[in-house]
Structures are given as C-alpha cells and as structure tokens.
PDB file of all heavy atoms in Angstrom:
ATOM      1  N   GLU A   1     -11.234  16.072   2.159  1.00  0.00           N
ATOM      2  CA  GLU A   1     -10.531  14.839   2.407  1.00  0.00           C
ATOM      3  C   GLU A   1     -11.105  14.026   3.512  1.00  0.00           C
ATOM      4  O   GLU A   1     -11.428  14.600   4.541  1.00  0.00           O
ATOM      5  CB  GLU A   1      -9.045  15.101   2.714  1.00  0.00           C
ATOM      6  CG  GLU A   1      -8.099  15.152   1.516  1.00  0.00           C
ATOM      7  CD  GLU A   1      -6.653  15.063   1.898  1.00  0.00           C
ATOM      8  OE1 GLU A   1      -6.272  15.592   2.933  1.00  0.00           O
ATOM      9  OE2 GLU A   1      -5.937  14.529   1.059  1.00  0.00           O
ATOM     10  N   LEU A   2     -11.229  12.766   3.260  1.00  0.00           N
ATOM     11  CA  LEU A   2     -11.779  11.878   4.291  1.00  0.00           C
ATOM     12  C   LEU A   2     -10.806  10.760   4.540  1.00  0.00           C
ATOM     13  O   LEU A   2      -9.928  10.402   3.677  1.00  0.00           O
ATOM     14  CB  LEU A   2     -13.121  11.200   3.798  1.00  0.00           C
ATOM     15  CG  LEU A   2     -14.196  12.156   3.352  1.00  0.00           C
ATOM     16  CD1 LEU A   2     -15.394  11.357   2.768  1.00  0.00           C
ATOM     17  CD2 LEU A   2     -14.745  12.912   4.585  1.00  0.00           C
ATOM     18  N   VAL A   3     -10.823  10.118   5.715  1.00  0.00           N
ATOM     19  CA  VAL A   3     -10.037   8.986   5.980  1.00  0.00           C
ATOM     20  C   VAL A   3     -10.894   7.790   5.720  1.00  0.00           C
ATOM     21  O   VAL A   3     -11.957   7.614   6.253  1.00  0.00           O
ATOM     22  CB  VAL A   3      -9.500   9.008   7.455  1.00  0.00           C
ATOM     23  CG1 VAL A   3      -8.730   7.691   7.778  1.00  0.00           C
ATOM     24  CG2 VAL A   3      -8.680  10.172   7.736  1.00  0.00           C
ATOM     25  N   ILE A   4     -10.369   6.899   4.872  1.00  0.00           N
ATOM     26  CA  ILE A   4     -11.071   5.602   4.509  1.00  0.00           C
ATOM     27  C   ILE A   4     -10.371   4.499   5.153  1.00  0.00           C
ATOM     28  O   ILE A   4      -9.154   4.236   4.888  1.00  0.00           O
ATOM     29  CB  ILE A   4     -11.079   5.437   2.975  1.00  0.00           C
ATOM     30  CG1 ILE A   4     -11.697   6.585   2.259  1.00  0.00           C
ATOM     31  CG2 ILE A   4     -11.739   4.106   2.611  1.00  0.00           C
ATOM     32  CD1 ILE A   4     -11.593   6.444   0.726  1.00  0.00           C
ATOM     33  N   PRO A   5     -11.037   3.752   5.982  1.00  0.00           N
ATOM     34  CA  PRO A   5     -10.426   2.546   6.589  1.00  0.00           C
ATOM     35  C   PRO A   5     -10.581   1.322   5.653  1.00  0.00           C
ATOM     36  O   PRO A   5     -11.507   1.308   4.805  1.00  0.00           O
ATOM     37  CB  PRO A   5     -11.225   2.293   7.886  1.00  0.00           C
ATOM     38  CG  PRO A   5     -12.536   2.845   7.608  1.00  0.00           C
ATOM     39  CD  PRO A   5     -12.363   4.059   6.604  1.00  0.00           C
ATOM     40  N   GLY A   6      -9.795   0.378   5.800  1.00  0.00           N
ATOM     41  CA  GLY A   6      -9.886  -0.905   5.020  1.00  0.00           C
ATOM     42  C   GLY A   6      -8.871  -1.866   5.560  1.00  0.00           C
ATOM     43  O   GLY A   6      -8.323  -1.731   6.657  1.00  0.00           O
ATOM     44  N   ARG A   7      -8.663  -2.876   4.719  1.00  0.00           N
ATOM     45  CA  ARG A   7      -7.651  -3.880   5.122  1.00  0.00           C
ATOM     46  C   ARG A   7      -7.021  -4.394   3.870  1.00  0.00           C
ATOM     47  O   ARG A   7      -7.527  -4.259   2.726  1.00  0.00           O
ATOM     48  CB  ARG A   7      -8.247  -5.028   5.982  1.00  0.00           C
ATOM     49  CG  ARG A   7      -9.367  -5.816   5.310  1.00  0.00           C
ATOM     50  CD  ARG A   7      -9.914  -6.862   6.335  1.00  0.00           C
ATOM     51  NE  ARG A   7     -11.047  -7.589   5.706  1.00  0.00           N
ATOM     52  CZ  ARG A   7     -10.977  -8.651   4.943  1.00  0.00           C
ATOM     53  NH1 ARG A   7      -9.763  -9.123   4.691  1.00  0.00           N
ATOM     54  NH2 ARG A   7     -12.044  -9.187   4.393  1.00  0.00           N
ATOM     55  N   LEU A   8      -5.919  -5.145   4.072  1.00  0.00           N
ATOM     56  CA  LEU A   8      -5.209  -5.720   2.856  1.00  0.00           C
ATOM     57  C   LEU A   8      -5.677  -7.089   2.662  1.00  0.00           C
ATOM     58  O   LEU A   8      -5.791  -7.923   3.600  1.00  0.00           O
ATOM     59  CB  LEU A   8      -3.702  -5.684   3.132  1.00  0.00           C
ATOM     60  CG  LEU A   8      -3.064  -4.336   3.392  1.00  0.00           C
ATOM     61  CD1 LEU A   8      -1.627  -4.485   3.627  1.00  0.00           C
ATOM     62  CD2 LEU A   8      -3.326  -3.458   2.139  1.00  0.00           C
ATOM     63  N   ASP A   9      -5.853  -7.507   1.442  1.00  0.00           N
ATOM     64  CA  ASP A   9      -6.113  -8.939   1.072  1.00  0.00           C
ATOM     65  C   ASP A   9      -4.813  -9.677   1.371  1.00  0.00           C
ATOM     66  O   ASP A   9      -3.761  -9.123   1.235  1.00  0.00           O
ATOM     67  CB  ASP A   9      -6.420  -8.999  -0.416  1.00  0.00           C
ATOM     68  CG  ASP A   9      -6.740 -10.400  -0.860  1.00  0.00           C
ATOM     69  OD1 ASP A   9      -7.949 -10.720  -0.830  1.00  0.00           O
ATOM     70  OD2 ASP A   9      -5.801 -11.154  -1.352  1.00  0.00           O
ATOM     71  N   PRO A  10      -4.936 -10.906   1.859  1.00  0.00           N
ATOM     72  CA  PRO A  10      -3.703 -11.681   2.081  1.00  0.00           C
ATOM     73  C   PRO A  10      -2.779 -11.829   0.939  1.00  0.00           C
ATOM     74  O   PRO A  10      -1.547 -12.003   1.087  1.00  0.00           O
ATOM     75  CB  PRO A  10      -4.180 -13.059   2.520  1.00  0.00           C
ATOM     76  CG  PRO A  10      -5.658 -12.857   2.867  1.00  0.00           C
ATOM     77  CD  PRO A  10      -6.146 -11.666   2.146  1.00  0.00           C
ATOM     78  N   ASN A  11      -3.346 -11.755  -0.297  1.00  0.00           N
ATOM     79  CA  ASN A  11      -2.528 -11.847  -1.518  1.00  0.00           C
ATOM     80  C   ASN A  11      -2.349 -10.510  -2.225  1.00  0.00           C
ATOM     81  O   ASN A  11      -2.236 -10.483  -3.433  1.00  0.00           O
ATOM     82  CB  ASN A  11      -3.159 -12.895  -2.450  1.00  0.00           C
ATOM     83  CG  ASN A  11      -3.265 -14.255  -1.862  1.00  0.00           C
ATOM     84  OD1 ASN A  11      -2.325 -14.732  -1.281  1.00  0.00           O
ATOM     85  ND2 ASN A  11      -4.414 -14.855  -1.970  1.00  0.00           N
ATOM     86  N   VAL A  12      -2.360  -9.441  -1.469  1.00  0.00           N
ATOM     87  CA  VAL A  12      -2.247  -8.149  -2.047  1.00  0.00           C
ATOM     88  C   VAL A  12      -0.938  -7.976  -2.869  1.00  0.00           C
ATOM     89  O   VAL A  12       0.089  -8.530  -2.472  1.00  0.00           O
ATOM     90  CB  VAL A  12      -2.307  -7.033  -0.959  1.00  0.00           C
ATOM     91  CG1 VAL A  12      -1.139  -7.036  -0.007  1.00  0.00           C
ATOM     92  CG2 VAL A  12      -2.502  -5.642  -1.531  1.00  0.00           C
ATOM     93  N   GLU A  13      -1.032  -7.298  -3.949  1.00  0.00           N
ATOM     94  CA  GLU A  13       0.082  -6.996  -4.801  1.00  0.00           C
ATOM     95  C   GLU A  13       0.494  -5.535  -4.502  1.00  0.00           C
ATOM     96  O   GLU A  13      -0.366  -4.639  -4.535  1.00  0.00           O
ATOM     97  CB  GLU A  13      -0.246  -7.069  -6.321  1.00  0.00           C
ATOM     98  CG  GLU A  13      -0.627  -8.430  -6.751  1.00  0.00           C
ATOM     99  CD  GLU A  13      -0.920  -8.510  -8.240  1.00  0.00           C
ATOM    100  OE1 GLU A  13      -1.665  -7.581  -8.733  1.00  0.00           O
ATOM    101  OE2 GLU A  13      -0.443  -9.366  -8.905  1.00  0.00           O
ATOM    102  N   VAL A  14       1.780  -5.362  -4.188  1.00  0.00           N
ATOM    103  CA  VAL A  14       2.258  -3.965  -3.806  1.00  0.00           C
ATOM    104  C   VAL A  14       3.413  -3.582  -4.805  1.00  0.00           C
ATOM    105  O   VAL A  14       4.279  -4.432  -5.059  1.00  0.00           O
ATOM    106  CB  VAL A  14       2.809  -3.957  -2.348  1.00  0.00           C
ATOM    107  CG1 VAL A  14       3.350  -2.585  -2.042  1.00  0.00           C
ATOM    108  CG2 VAL A  14       1.701  -4.322  -1.412  1.00  0.00           C
ATOM    109  N   PHE A  15       3.331  -2.434  -5.357  1.00  0.00           N
ATOM    110  CA  PHE A  15       4.305  -1.910  -6.250  1.00  0.00           C
ATOM    111  C   PHE A  15       4.720  -0.537  -5.821  1.00  0.00           C
ATOM    112  O   PHE A  15       3.876   0.305  -5.480  1.00  0.00           O
ATOM    113  CB  PHE A  15       3.790  -1.852  -7.696  1.00  0.00           C
ATOM    114  CG  PHE A  15       3.368  -3.145  -8.231  1.00  0.00           C
ATOM    115  CD1 PHE A  15       2.090  -3.557  -8.160  1.00  0.00           C
ATOM    116  CD2 PHE A  15       4.327  -3.980  -8.869  1.00  0.00           C
ATOM    117  CE1 PHE A  15       1.716  -4.873  -8.613  1.00  0.00           C
ATOM    118  CE2 PHE A  15       3.953  -5.173  -9.354  1.00  0.00           C
ATOM    119  CZ  PHE A  15       2.687  -5.612  -9.280  1.00  0.00           C
ATOM    120  N   ILE A  16       6.068  -0.299  -5.763  1.00  0.00           N
ATOM    121  CA  ILE A  16       6.550   1.060  -5.452  1.00  0.00           C
ATOM    122  C   ILE A  16       7.351   1.550  -6.718  1.00  0.00           C
ATOM    123  O   ILE A  16       8.346   0.889  -7.097  1.00  0.00           O
ATOM    124  CB  ILE A  16       7.440   1.023  -4.219  1.00  0.00           C
ATOM    125  CG1 ILE A  16       6.618   0.541  -2.996  1.00  0.00           C
ATOM    126  CG2 ILE A  16       8.088   2.376  -3.996  1.00  0.00           C
ATOM    127  CD1 ILE A  16       7.411   0.391  -1.716  1.00  0.00           C
ATOM    128  N   ASN A  17       6.838   2.594  -7.271  1.00  0.00           N
ATOM    129  CA  ASN A  17       7.350   3.172  -8.517  1.00  0.00           C
ATOM    130  C   ASN A  17       7.529   2.067  -9.581  1.00  0.00           C
ATOM    131  O   ASN A  17       8.473   2.020 -10.287  1.00  0.00           O
ATOM    132  CB  ASN A  17       8.708   3.866  -8.291  1.00  0.00           C
ATOM    133  CG  ASN A  17       8.533   5.166  -7.471  1.00  0.00           C
ATOM    134  OD1 ASN A  17       7.437   5.695  -7.351  1.00  0.00           O
ATOM    135  ND2 ASN A  17       9.624   5.626  -6.884  1.00  0.00           N
ATOM    136  N   GLY A  18       6.554   1.185  -9.659  1.00  0.00           N
ATOM    137  CA  GLY A  18       6.521   0.125 -10.632  1.00  0.00           C
ATOM    138  C   GLY A  18       7.221  -1.113 -10.238  1.00  0.00           C
ATOM    139  O   GLY A  18       7.140  -2.151 -10.947  1.00  0.00           O
ATOM    140  N   ALA A  19       8.035  -1.132  -9.230  1.00  0.00           N
ATOM    141  CA  ALA A  19       8.788  -2.350  -8.792  1.00  0.00           C
ATOM    142  C   ALA A  19       7.998  -3.036  -7.727  1.00  0.00           C
ATOM    143  O   ALA A  19       7.402  -2.425  -6.875  1.00  0.00           O
ATOM    144  CB  ALA A  19      10.163  -1.914  -8.257  1.00  0.00           C
ATOM    145  N   ALA A  20       8.048  -4.442  -7.774  1.00  0.00           N
ATOM    146  CA  ALA A  20       7.334  -5.246  -6.783  1.00  0.00           C
ATOM    147  C   ALA A  20       7.918  -4.976  -5.413  1.00  0.00           C
ATOM    148  O   ALA A  20       9.092  -4.723  -5.246  1.00  0.00           O
ATOM    149  CB  ALA A  20       7.507  -6.704  -7.144  1.00  0.00           C
ATOM    150  N   ALA A  21       7.007  -4.926  -4.445  1.00  0.00           N
ATOM    151  CA  ALA A  21       7.399  -4.626  -3.059  1.00  0.00           C
ATOM    152  C   ALA A  21       6.484  -5.432  -2.119  1.00  0.00           C
ATOM    153  O   ALA A  21       5.669  -6.272  -2.601  1.00  0.00           O
ATOM    154  CB  ALA A  21       7.293  -3.119  -2.756  1.00  0.00           C
ATOM    155  N   THR A  22       6.619  -5.269  -0.832  1.00  0.00           N
ATOM    156  CA  THR A  22       5.798  -5.889   0.173  1.00  0.00           C
ATOM    157  C   THR A  22       4.997  -4.850   0.915  1.00  0.00           C
ATOM    158  O   THR A  22       5.371  -3.665   0.956  1.00  0.00           O
ATOM    159  CB  THR A  22       6.607  -6.723   1.167  1.00  0.00           C
ATOM    160  OG1 THR A  22       7.411  -5.811   1.972  1.00  0.00           O
ATOM    161  CG2 THR A  22       7.526  -7.718   0.434  1.00  0.00           C
ATOM    162  N   PRO A  23       3.927  -5.205   1.657  1.00  0.00           N
ATOM    163  CA  PRO A  23       3.243  -4.274   2.466  1.00  0.00           C
ATOM    164  C   PRO A  23       4.093  -3.590   3.495  1.00  0.00           C
ATOM    165  O   PRO A  23       3.845  -2.402   3.861  1.00  0.00           O
ATOM    166  CB  PRO A  23       2.136  -5.073   3.129  1.00  0.00           C
ATOM    167  CG  PRO A  23       1.862  -6.201   2.188  1.00  0.00           C
ATOM    168  CD  PRO A  23       3.242  -6.523   1.585  1.00  0.00           C
ATOM    169  N   ASP A  24       5.142  -4.259   3.961  1.00  0.00           N
ATOM    170  CA  ASP A  24       6.055  -3.679   4.941  1.00  0.00           C
ATOM    171  C   ASP A  24       6.854  -2.466   4.419  1.00  0.00           C
ATOM    172  O   ASP A  24       7.358  -1.716   5.136  1.00  0.00           O
ATOM    173  CB  ASP A  24       6.979  -4.737   5.550  1.00  0.00           C
ATOM    174  CG  ASP A  24       6.284  -5.721   6.440  1.00  0.00           C
ATOM    175  OD1 ASP A  24       5.180  -5.452   6.948  1.00  0.00           O
ATOM    176  OD2 ASP A  24       6.773  -6.897   6.533  1.00  0.00           O
ATOM    177  N   ASP A  25       6.931  -2.403   3.037  1.00  0.00           N
ATOM    178  CA  ASP A  25       7.715  -1.368   2.410  1.00  0.00           C
ATOM    179  C   ASP A  25       6.879  -0.055   2.298  1.00  0.00           C
ATOM    180  O   ASP A  25       7.407   0.988   2.028  1.00  0.00           O
ATOM    181  CB  ASP A  25       8.134  -1.761   1.025  1.00  0.00           C
ATOM    182  CG  ASP A  25       9.044  -2.956   1.034  1.00  0.00           C
ATOM    183  OD1 ASP A  25       9.891  -3.040   2.004  1.00  0.00           O
ATOM    184  OD2 ASP A  25       8.945  -3.835   0.116  1.00  0.00           O
ATOM    185  N   VAL A  26       5.594  -0.107   2.589  1.00  0.00           N
ATOM    186  CA  VAL A  26       4.777   1.029   2.420  1.00  0.00           C
ATOM    187  C   VAL A  26       4.878   1.929   3.722  1.00  0.00           C
ATOM    188  O   VAL A  26       4.966   1.356   4.810  1.00  0.00           O
ATOM    189  CB  VAL A  26       3.258   0.650   2.154  1.00  0.00           C
ATOM    190  CG1 VAL A  26       2.368   1.879   2.112  1.00  0.00           C
ATOM    191  CG2 VAL A  26       3.155  -0.219   0.998  1.00  0.00           C
ATOM    192  N   MET A  27       4.947   3.237   3.546  1.00  0.00           N
ATOM    193  CA  MET A  27       5.138   4.138   4.638  1.00  0.00           C
ATOM    194  C   MET A  27       3.969   5.177   4.713  1.00  0.00           C
ATOM    195  O   MET A  27       3.241   5.436   3.749  1.00  0.00           O
ATOM    196  CB  MET A  27       6.450   4.941   4.446  1.00  0.00           C
ATOM    197  CG  MET A  27       7.672   3.960   4.443  1.00  0.00           C
ATOM    198  SD  MET A  27       9.224   4.839   4.428  1.00  0.00           S
ATOM    199  CE  MET A  27       9.168   5.682   2.843  1.00  0.00           C
ATOM    200  N   ILE A  28       3.816   5.727   5.918  1.00  0.00           N
ATOM    201  CA  ILE A  28       2.855   6.783   6.140  1.00  0.00           C
ATOM    202  C   ILE A  28       3.142   7.922   5.137  1.00  0.00           C
ATOM    203  O   ILE A  28       4.269   8.257   4.908  1.00  0.00           O
ATOM    204  CB  ILE A  28       2.895   7.256   7.565  1.00  0.00           C
ATOM    205  CG1 ILE A  28       2.675   6.102   8.589  1.00  0.00           C
ATOM    206  CG2 ILE A  28       1.889   8.397   7.804  1.00  0.00           C
ATOM    207  CD1 ILE A  28       1.255   5.463   8.454  1.00  0.00           C
ATOM    208  N   ASP A  29       2.093   8.569   4.612  1.00  0.00           N
ATOM    209  CA  ASP A  29       2.121   9.673   3.734  1.00  0.00           C
ATOM    210  C   ASP A  29       2.530   9.252   2.243  1.00  0.00           C
ATOM    211  O   ASP A  29       2.721  10.132   1.435  1.00  0.00           O
ATOM    212  CB  ASP A  29       3.038  10.800   4.176  1.00  0.00           C
ATOM    213  CG  ASP A  29       2.287  11.626   5.242  1.00  0.00           C
ATOM    214  OD1 ASP A  29       1.023  11.712   5.265  1.00  0.00           O
ATOM    215  OD2 ASP A  29       3.029  12.203   6.078  1.00  0.00           O
ATOM    216  N   ASP A  30       2.785   7.975   2.009  1.00  0.00           N
ATOM    217  CA  ASP A  30       3.028   7.541   0.606  1.00  0.00           C
ATOM    218  C   ASP A  30       1.817   7.939  -0.249  1.00  0.00           C
ATOM    219  O   ASP A  30       0.666   7.684   0.204  1.00  0.00           O
ATOM    220  CB  ASP A  30       3.258   6.037   0.497  1.00  0.00           C
ATOM    221  CG  ASP A  30       4.736   5.685   0.739  1.00  0.00           C
ATOM    222  OD1 ASP A  30       5.650   6.517   0.624  1.00  0.00           O
ATOM    223  OD2 ASP A  30       4.999   4.508   1.035  1.00  0.00           O
ATOM    224  N   GLU A  31       2.004   8.344  -1.453  1.00  0.00           N
ATOM    225  CA  GLU A  31       0.940   8.570  -2.463  1.00  0.00           C
ATOM    226  C   GLU A  31       0.581   7.231  -2.931  1.00  0.00           C
ATOM    227  O   GLU A  31       1.486   6.433  -3.421  1.00  0.00           O
ATOM    228  CB  GLU A  31       1.403   9.468  -3.504  1.00  0.00           C
ATOM    229  CG  GLU A  31       1.672  10.893  -3.152  1.00  0.00           C
ATOM    230  CD  GLU A  31       0.389  11.635  -2.745  1.00  0.00           C
ATOM    231  OE1 GLU A  31      -0.637  11.450  -3.336  1.00  0.00           O
ATOM    232  OE2 GLU A  31       0.502  12.488  -1.826  1.00  0.00           O
ATOM    233  N   VAL A  32      -0.697   6.749  -2.970  1.00  0.00           N
ATOM    234  CA  VAL A  32      -1.077   5.481  -3.335  1.00  0.00           C
ATOM    235  C   VAL A  32      -2.256   5.501  -4.329  1.00  0.00           C
ATOM    236  O   VAL A  32      -3.156   6.366  -4.215  1.00  0.00           O
ATOM    237  CB  VAL A  32      -1.423   4.540  -2.184  1.00  0.00           C
ATOM    238  CG1 VAL A  32      -0.225   4.195  -1.354  1.00  0.00           C
ATOM    239  CG2 VAL A  32      -2.492   5.124  -1.339  1.00  0.00           C
TER     240      VAL A  32
END
C-alpha cells in the first residue's frame, strides 16, 4: 500500500453509497 497525494477539482462530483454528497461529507478511512 502506498499513500497517493492529490487534490480535488473545484467541480468534483462526490457520491456516498450512490447519493450525491459534498467533499465535506467524506471521512478518513472511507473506502473510495
């Protein structure tokens, strides 16, 4: 396992279990 750094596009689409969400809804250790 490696840690990959990156950043979010300003228009990123976020979904949690198929429902629309925001980047603020994402938590540490979430499977993505």
